[in-house]
N, C-alpha and C. Protein backbone atom coordinates (compact mmCIF):
# COMPACT_ATOMS: atom_id res chain seq x y z
N MET A 1 -13.01 -4.71 -4.14
CA MET A 1 -14.10 -3.99 -3.53
C MET A 1 -13.81 -3.84 -2.03
N ALA A 2 -13.89 -2.63 -1.55
CA ALA A 2 -13.60 -2.35 -0.14
C ALA A 2 -14.78 -2.80 0.73
N THR A 3 -14.43 -3.27 1.92
CA THR A 3 -15.43 -3.70 2.88
C THR A 3 -15.73 -2.55 3.83
N ASP A 4 -17.02 -2.36 4.14
CA ASP A 4 -17.39 -1.32 5.10
C ASP A 4 -16.84 -1.65 6.48
N VAL A 5 -16.46 -0.61 7.21
CA VAL A 5 -16.02 -0.75 8.59
C VAL A 5 -17.18 -0.28 9.46
N ILE A 6 -17.73 -1.23 10.22
CA ILE A 6 -18.94 -0.95 11.01
C ILE A 6 -18.62 -1.06 12.50
N CYS A 7 -19.02 -0.05 13.25
CA CYS A 7 -18.85 -0.07 14.70
C CYS A 7 -19.93 -0.96 15.31
N LYS A 8 -19.51 -1.98 16.05
CA LYS A 8 -20.47 -2.88 16.69
C LYS A 8 -21.14 -2.24 17.89
N ASN A 9 -20.56 -1.18 18.40
CA ASN A 9 -21.10 -0.50 19.58
C ASN A 9 -22.27 0.43 19.21
N CYS A 10 -22.06 1.30 18.21
CA CYS A 10 -23.11 2.28 17.87
C CYS A 10 -23.69 2.10 16.47
N GLY A 11 -23.09 1.22 15.66
CA GLY A 11 -23.60 0.97 14.31
C GLY A 11 -23.10 1.93 13.25
N GLY A 12 -22.18 2.83 13.60
CA GLY A 12 -21.63 3.76 12.62
C GLY A 12 -20.93 3.02 11.49
N ILE A 13 -21.13 3.49 10.27
CA ILE A 13 -20.55 2.84 9.09
C ILE A 13 -19.50 3.76 8.47
N ASN A 14 -18.27 3.28 8.38
CA ASN A 14 -17.14 4.00 7.78
C ASN A 14 -16.91 5.37 8.41
N ASP A 15 -17.26 5.53 9.67
CA ASP A 15 -17.04 6.77 10.41
C ASP A 15 -16.01 6.47 11.50
N TYR A 16 -14.75 6.43 11.08
CA TYR A 16 -13.69 6.03 12.01
C TYR A 16 -12.41 6.79 11.72
N ARG A 17 -11.50 6.73 12.66
CA ARG A 17 -10.17 7.29 12.49
C ARG A 17 -9.16 6.19 12.76
N ILE A 18 -7.96 6.36 12.22
CA ILE A 18 -6.88 5.39 12.41
C ILE A 18 -5.89 5.97 13.41
N GLU A 19 -5.53 5.16 14.39
CA GLU A 19 -4.47 5.52 15.33
C GLU A 19 -3.43 4.42 15.31
N LYS A 20 -2.17 4.82 15.34
CA LYS A 20 -1.09 3.85 15.38
C LYS A 20 -0.81 3.50 16.84
N LYS A 21 -0.90 2.23 17.16
CA LYS A 21 -0.63 1.71 18.50
C LYS A 21 0.37 0.57 18.36
N ALA A 22 1.57 0.76 18.92
CA ALA A 22 2.64 -0.24 18.84
C ALA A 22 2.84 -0.62 17.37
N ASN A 23 2.64 -1.86 17.00
CA ASN A 23 2.84 -2.31 15.63
C ASN A 23 1.54 -2.44 14.85
N ASN A 24 0.49 -1.81 15.33
CA ASN A 24 -0.83 -1.94 14.69
C ASN A 24 -1.38 -0.58 14.29
N GLN A 25 -2.25 -0.60 13.31
CA GLN A 25 -3.10 0.54 12.99
C GLN A 25 -4.47 0.15 13.52
N CYS A 26 -5.03 0.96 14.39
CA CYS A 26 -6.31 0.64 15.01
C CYS A 26 -7.39 1.60 14.53
N ALA A 27 -8.56 1.06 14.22
CA ALA A 27 -9.71 1.87 13.83
C ALA A 27 -10.56 2.13 15.06
N TYR A 28 -10.84 3.42 15.31
CA TYR A 28 -11.71 3.83 16.42
C TYR A 28 -12.88 4.61 15.85
N CYS A 29 -14.06 4.35 16.38
CA CYS A 29 -15.28 5.01 15.94
C CYS A 29 -15.24 6.50 16.30
N ASN A 30 -15.57 7.36 15.36
CA ASN A 30 -15.65 8.79 15.63
C ASN A 30 -16.91 9.13 16.43
N GLY A 31 -17.93 8.30 16.32
CA GLY A 31 -19.19 8.57 17.01
C GLY A 31 -19.15 8.25 18.48
N CYS A 32 -18.64 7.06 18.84
CA CYS A 32 -18.70 6.63 20.24
C CYS A 32 -17.32 6.36 20.84
N GLU A 33 -16.26 6.56 20.04
CA GLU A 33 -14.87 6.38 20.50
C GLU A 33 -14.48 4.92 20.75
N ALA A 34 -15.31 3.96 20.40
CA ALA A 34 -15.02 2.54 20.64
C ALA A 34 -13.99 2.01 19.64
N PHE A 35 -13.15 1.07 20.10
CA PHE A 35 -12.25 0.35 19.22
C PHE A 35 -13.09 -0.50 18.28
N ILE A 36 -12.77 -0.47 16.99
CA ILE A 36 -13.51 -1.27 16.01
C ILE A 36 -12.68 -2.49 15.60
N LYS A 37 -11.47 -2.25 15.06
CA LYS A 37 -10.64 -3.37 14.63
C LYS A 37 -9.25 -2.88 14.26
N ASN A 38 -8.32 -3.82 14.12
CA ASN A 38 -6.99 -3.52 13.61
C ASN A 38 -7.06 -3.45 12.09
N ILE A 39 -6.38 -2.48 11.52
CA ILE A 39 -6.32 -2.31 10.07
C ILE A 39 -4.91 -2.70 9.63
N PRO A 40 -4.77 -3.67 8.73
CA PRO A 40 -3.42 -4.08 8.31
C PRO A 40 -2.70 -2.97 7.55
N TYR A 41 -1.39 -2.91 7.74
CA TYR A 41 -0.57 -1.98 6.97
C TYR A 41 -0.51 -2.45 5.53
N ALA A 42 -0.44 -1.50 4.62
CA ALA A 42 -0.25 -1.84 3.22
C ALA A 42 1.19 -2.31 3.02
N PRO A 43 1.41 -3.25 2.13
CA PRO A 43 2.78 -3.70 1.88
C PRO A 43 3.67 -2.54 1.42
N ASN A 44 4.89 -2.53 1.88
CA ASN A 44 5.84 -1.48 1.56
C ASN A 44 6.35 -1.65 0.13
N THR A 45 6.22 -0.61 -0.68
CA THR A 45 6.70 -0.66 -2.06
C THR A 45 7.80 0.39 -2.31
N ILE A 46 8.55 0.71 -1.25
CA ILE A 46 9.67 1.64 -1.37
C ILE A 46 10.90 0.87 -1.86
N ILE A 47 11.65 1.49 -2.77
CA ILE A 47 12.89 0.91 -3.27
C ILE A 47 14.03 1.41 -2.38
N TYR A 48 14.84 0.49 -1.88
CA TYR A 48 15.90 0.84 -0.93
C TYR A 48 17.31 0.74 -1.52
N PHE A 49 17.43 0.81 -2.82
CA PHE A 49 18.73 0.67 -3.45
C PHE A 49 18.68 1.31 -4.83
N GLY A 50 19.85 1.55 -5.37
CA GLY A 50 19.98 1.94 -6.77
C GLY A 50 19.51 3.34 -7.14
N LYS A 51 19.24 3.49 -8.40
CA LYS A 51 18.93 4.77 -9.02
C LYS A 51 17.75 5.49 -8.37
N TYR A 52 16.76 4.76 -7.90
CA TYR A 52 15.54 5.36 -7.33
C TYR A 52 15.39 5.05 -5.84
N LYS A 53 16.50 4.97 -5.15
CA LYS A 53 16.49 4.69 -3.72
C LYS A 53 15.59 5.69 -2.98
N GLY A 54 14.70 5.15 -2.14
CA GLY A 54 13.80 5.98 -1.35
C GLY A 54 12.49 6.32 -2.05
N LYS A 55 12.34 5.95 -3.30
CA LYS A 55 11.12 6.23 -4.05
C LYS A 55 10.15 5.05 -3.96
N ASP A 56 8.87 5.37 -4.00
CA ASP A 56 7.83 4.35 -4.06
C ASP A 56 7.73 3.85 -5.50
N ILE A 57 7.52 2.58 -5.68
CA ILE A 57 7.38 2.00 -7.02
C ILE A 57 6.28 2.72 -7.80
N ASN A 58 5.23 3.13 -7.10
CA ASN A 58 4.10 3.78 -7.77
C ASN A 58 4.39 5.20 -8.23
N GLU A 59 5.59 5.73 -7.93
CA GLU A 59 6.01 7.04 -8.41
C GLU A 59 6.92 6.94 -9.63
N LEU A 60 7.45 5.76 -9.89
CA LEU A 60 8.43 5.60 -10.96
C LEU A 60 7.78 5.68 -12.33
N THR A 61 8.55 6.22 -13.30
CA THR A 61 8.07 6.29 -14.68
C THR A 61 9.07 5.70 -15.68
N ASP A 62 10.21 5.23 -15.19
CA ASP A 62 11.29 4.69 -16.02
C ASP A 62 11.03 3.21 -16.28
N VAL A 63 10.24 2.92 -17.32
CA VAL A 63 9.83 1.55 -17.61
C VAL A 63 11.02 0.62 -17.88
N PRO A 64 12.00 1.02 -18.70
CA PRO A 64 13.13 0.11 -18.92
C PRO A 64 13.86 -0.25 -17.62
N TYR A 65 14.03 0.71 -16.73
CA TYR A 65 14.69 0.43 -15.45
C TYR A 65 13.85 -0.51 -14.61
N MET A 66 12.54 -0.29 -14.59
CA MET A 66 11.66 -1.16 -13.80
C MET A 66 11.68 -2.58 -14.35
N GLU A 67 11.70 -2.73 -15.67
CA GLU A 67 11.78 -4.06 -16.27
C GLU A 67 13.11 -4.72 -15.92
N TRP A 68 14.20 -3.96 -15.97
CA TRP A 68 15.51 -4.50 -15.59
C TRP A 68 15.50 -4.94 -14.12
N MET A 69 14.94 -4.08 -13.26
CA MET A 69 14.90 -4.39 -11.84
C MET A 69 14.11 -5.68 -11.59
N TYR A 70 12.98 -5.83 -12.25
CA TYR A 70 12.15 -7.02 -12.08
C TYR A 70 12.92 -8.29 -12.47
N GLU A 71 13.66 -8.21 -13.55
CA GLU A 71 14.38 -9.38 -14.06
C GLU A 71 15.68 -9.68 -13.30
N ASN A 72 16.32 -8.66 -12.72
CA ASN A 72 17.68 -8.84 -12.21
C ASN A 72 17.89 -8.69 -10.71
N VAL A 73 16.97 -8.12 -10.00
CA VAL A 73 17.19 -7.86 -8.57
C VAL A 73 16.55 -8.98 -7.74
N ASP A 74 17.40 -9.76 -7.11
CA ASP A 74 16.93 -10.90 -6.31
C ASP A 74 16.31 -10.50 -4.98
N LYS A 75 16.63 -9.29 -4.49
CA LYS A 75 16.15 -8.84 -3.17
C LYS A 75 14.67 -8.46 -3.15
N LEU A 76 14.04 -8.32 -4.30
CA LEU A 76 12.65 -7.88 -4.33
C LEU A 76 11.72 -8.90 -3.70
N LYS A 77 10.82 -8.42 -2.89
CA LYS A 77 9.80 -9.29 -2.29
C LYS A 77 8.67 -9.45 -3.31
N GLU A 78 7.84 -10.47 -3.10
CA GLU A 78 6.78 -10.78 -4.06
C GLU A 78 5.84 -9.59 -4.28
N HIS A 79 5.46 -8.89 -3.20
CA HIS A 79 4.54 -7.76 -3.37
C HIS A 79 5.20 -6.61 -4.13
N GLN A 80 6.54 -6.49 -4.03
CA GLN A 80 7.24 -5.47 -4.81
C GLN A 80 7.27 -5.84 -6.28
N LYS A 81 7.46 -7.12 -6.56
CA LYS A 81 7.42 -7.58 -7.95
C LYS A 81 6.04 -7.35 -8.56
N GLN A 82 5.00 -7.64 -7.78
CA GLN A 82 3.64 -7.42 -8.26
C GLN A 82 3.39 -5.94 -8.51
N ALA A 83 3.90 -5.08 -7.62
CA ALA A 83 3.74 -3.63 -7.80
C ALA A 83 4.47 -3.16 -9.06
N LEU A 84 5.66 -3.72 -9.31
CA LEU A 84 6.40 -3.37 -10.53
C LEU A 84 5.61 -3.75 -11.78
N VAL A 85 5.08 -4.96 -11.81
CA VAL A 85 4.32 -5.42 -12.97
C VAL A 85 3.10 -4.52 -13.19
N SER A 86 2.40 -4.20 -12.12
CA SER A 86 1.22 -3.34 -12.24
C SER A 86 1.60 -1.95 -12.76
N ARG A 87 2.69 -1.39 -12.23
CA ARG A 87 3.13 -0.05 -12.64
C ARG A 87 3.60 -0.06 -14.08
N ILE A 88 4.37 -1.07 -14.47
CA ILE A 88 4.84 -1.18 -15.85
C ILE A 88 3.65 -1.25 -16.81
N ASN A 89 2.68 -2.12 -16.50
CA ASN A 89 1.51 -2.26 -17.36
C ASN A 89 0.72 -0.96 -17.45
N LEU A 90 0.56 -0.26 -16.33
CA LEU A 90 -0.16 1.02 -16.33
C LEU A 90 0.54 2.02 -17.23
N LEU A 91 1.86 2.16 -17.08
CA LEU A 91 2.58 3.13 -17.89
C LEU A 91 2.59 2.76 -19.37
N LYS A 92 2.71 1.48 -19.68
CA LYS A 92 2.68 1.05 -21.09
C LYS A 92 1.31 1.31 -21.70
N ASN A 93 0.25 1.12 -20.93
CA ASN A 93 -1.10 1.38 -21.43
C ASN A 93 -1.36 2.87 -21.62
N GLN A 94 -0.61 3.71 -20.88
CA GLN A 94 -0.72 5.16 -21.03
C GLN A 94 0.18 5.68 -22.14
N GLY A 95 0.99 4.80 -22.71
CA GLY A 95 1.86 5.17 -23.82
C GLY A 95 3.16 5.85 -23.41
N ARG A 96 3.65 5.59 -22.18
CA ARG A 96 4.91 6.21 -21.75
C ARG A 96 6.07 5.32 -22.09
């Protein structure tokens, strides 16, 4: 469940824009222009090697390859493994 982003200055709810500043994503109120908070980046799920180099895990449809990658590629980070499991389960439930 997503949490509302509330401006403490004017009380605006979910009325903000994201600006990239240095290594942060910052939320600024559209109503009063005040800084609200830093928004964390989503974990990177891009594959940087092999058959699908440069593709996001969430774009892949090759279930056997994804299963092989999960079992055999030591370079995968935990969030990439979780993304693979989620994608594999989604595609299997869709009958692909």
